[in-house]
Amino acid sequence: MAEIAIEGMEFFSYHGHFEEESVIGTRFIVDLFIETDTTNAENSDKLSETVNYLSVYQLIKHEMKSPSHLIEHVARRILDKVKQTYPQIDYARIKLRKMNPPLGGQIKSVSITLYD
């Protein structure tokens, strides 16, 4: 069993409950951790034997383009799509951070971490 981490993916998106968030947008950072058996890839050195990081990144990028009111919803969509695309994934964890949220003060980020 191995853990594959794709960390620090940055996106500019329009997720948020407040109207101005859907107009102005903000920066988001996504970290994804996947547990899967990489034994075949370790021995064969073939991309087809493991989870393709580029494919996962493109999937996340696509989901980040679709606006939602809640980051919880975005994170769930991403996890569901990753697990659907790669059924060999045994476990996945995502952390989605919204940078500089409009909460009336200096706040670096708010985040949601989901486990599946």
Protein backbone atom coordinates (compact mmCIF):
# COMPACT_ATOMS: atom_id res chain seq x y z
CA MET A 1 0.00 0.00 0.00
CA ALA A 2 1.23 3.48 -0.82
CA GLU A 3 0.11 7.04 -0.33
CA ILE A 4 0.19 9.35 -3.34
CA ALA A 5 0.04 13.05 -2.47
CA ILE A 6 -0.76 15.86 -4.89
CA GLU A 7 -0.32 19.01 -2.85
CA GLY A 8 -0.58 22.75 -3.33
CA MET A 9 -2.79 22.78 -6.44
CA GLU A 10 -3.87 26.41 -6.87
CA PHE A 11 -7.02 27.55 -8.62
CA PHE A 12 -8.91 30.81 -9.04
CA SER A 13 -12.60 30.00 -8.71
CA TYR A 14 -16.00 31.45 -7.87
CA HIS A 15 -17.20 29.32 -4.94
CA GLY A 16 -19.04 30.97 -2.09
CA HIS A 17 -22.31 31.72 -0.41
CA PHE A 18 -22.13 35.50 -0.81
CA GLU A 19 -23.03 37.14 -4.13
CA GLU A 20 -19.74 39.04 -4.36
CA GLU A 21 -17.83 35.74 -4.19
CA SER A 22 -19.53 34.59 -7.37
CA VAL A 23 -18.53 37.86 -9.07
CA ILE A 24 -15.06 38.57 -7.70
CA GLY A 25 -13.81 35.02 -7.09
CA THR A 26 -10.83 34.04 -4.97
CA ARG A 27 -7.88 31.71 -4.78
CA PHE A 28 -8.20 28.11 -3.57
CA ILE A 29 -5.58 25.52 -2.67
CA VAL A 30 -6.28 21.79 -2.91
CA ASP A 31 -4.29 18.94 -1.38
CA LEU A 32 -5.25 15.37 -2.26
CA PHE A 33 -3.95 12.20 -0.61
CA ILE A 34 -4.68 8.80 -2.15
CA GLU A 35 -3.98 5.33 -0.78
CA THR A 36 -3.66 2.58 -3.36
CA ASP A 37 -1.61 -0.49 -4.14
CA THR A 38 1.35 0.59 -6.30
CA THR A 39 3.15 -2.76 -6.29
CA ASN A 40 2.62 -3.38 -10.02
CA ALA A 41 3.86 0.11 -10.95
CA GLU A 42 6.85 -0.25 -8.66
CA ASN A 43 7.89 -3.38 -10.54
CA SER A 44 6.83 -2.54 -14.09
CA ASP A 45 7.68 1.19 -14.25
CA LYS A 46 4.48 1.68 -16.29
CA LEU A 47 2.12 4.61 -15.79
CA SER A 48 -0.82 2.38 -16.70
CA GLU A 49 -0.21 0.42 -13.47
CA THR A 50 -0.85 3.37 -11.15
CA VAL A 51 -2.96 6.50 -10.67
CA ASN A 52 -2.10 9.09 -13.32
CA TYR A 53 -1.33 12.36 -11.48
CA LEU A 54 -1.99 14.48 -14.57
CA SER A 55 -5.39 12.90 -15.04
CA VAL A 56 -6.26 13.52 -11.38
CA TYR A 57 -5.11 17.14 -11.62
CA GLN A 58 -7.20 17.71 -14.76
CA LEU A 59 -10.23 16.19 -13.04
CA ILE A 60 -9.80 18.53 -10.04
CA LYS A 61 -9.24 21.52 -12.32
CA HIS A 62 -12.51 20.72 -14.11
CA GLU A 63 -14.47 20.44 -10.84
CA MET A 64 -12.98 23.69 -9.53
CA LYS A 65 -14.39 25.52 -12.58
CA SER A 66 -17.97 24.60 -11.62
CA PRO A 67 -19.18 27.18 -9.03
CA SER A 68 -20.75 26.02 -5.78
CA HIS A 69 -22.05 27.83 -2.73
CA LEU A 70 -20.06 25.68 -0.28
CA ILE A 71 -16.50 24.38 -0.31
CA GLU A 72 -17.89 21.25 1.34
CA HIS A 73 -19.84 20.55 -1.84
CA VAL A 74 -16.82 21.15 -4.08
CA ALA A 75 -14.62 18.83 -2.00
CA ARG A 76 -17.26 16.07 -2.06
CA ARG A 77 -17.64 16.37 -5.85
CA ILE A 78 -13.88 16.04 -6.29
CA LEU A 79 -13.57 13.01 -4.00
CA ASP A 80 -16.51 11.26 -5.63
CA LYS A 81 -15.13 11.88 -9.14
CA VAL A 82 -11.62 10.71 -8.22
CA LYS A 83 -12.92 7.51 -6.63
CA GLN A 84 -15.27 6.89 -9.58
CA THR A 85 -12.46 7.39 -12.11
CA TYR A 86 -9.96 5.28 -10.17
CA PRO A 87 -11.78 2.40 -8.45
CA GLN A 88 -8.42 0.96 -7.35
CA ILE A 89 -8.13 3.78 -4.77
CA ASP A 90 -8.71 2.34 -1.31
CA TYR A 91 -8.82 5.63 0.57
CA ALA A 92 -8.71 9.33 -0.28
CA ARG A 93 -8.46 12.56 1.73
CA ILE A 94 -8.89 16.06 0.38
CA LYS A 95 -8.18 19.42 1.97
CA LEU A 96 -9.71 22.39 0.18
CA ARG A 97 -8.67 25.87 1.37
CA LYS A 98 -10.37 29.12 0.46
CA MET A 99 -7.78 31.87 0.73
CA ASN A 100 -8.66 35.29 2.19
CA PRO A 101 -12.36 34.57 2.79
CA PRO A 102 -14.60 37.65 3.08
CA LEU A 103 -15.42 37.32 6.78
CA GLY A 104 -14.79 40.90 7.88
CA GLY A 105 -11.24 40.50 9.14
CA GLN A 106 -7.73 39.33 8.33
CA ILE A 107 -8.12 35.59 7.79
CA LYS A 108 -5.55 33.61 5.84
CA SER A 109 -7.92 30.77 4.91
CA VAL A 110 -10.83 28.55 5.80
CA SER A 111 -10.74 24.89 4.88
CA ILE A 112 -12.61 21.61 4.78
CA THR A 113 -10.99 18.19 5.00
CA LEU A 114 -13.00 15.21 3.83
CA TYR A 115 -12.11 11.53 4.12
CA ASP A 116 -13.45 8.76 1.96
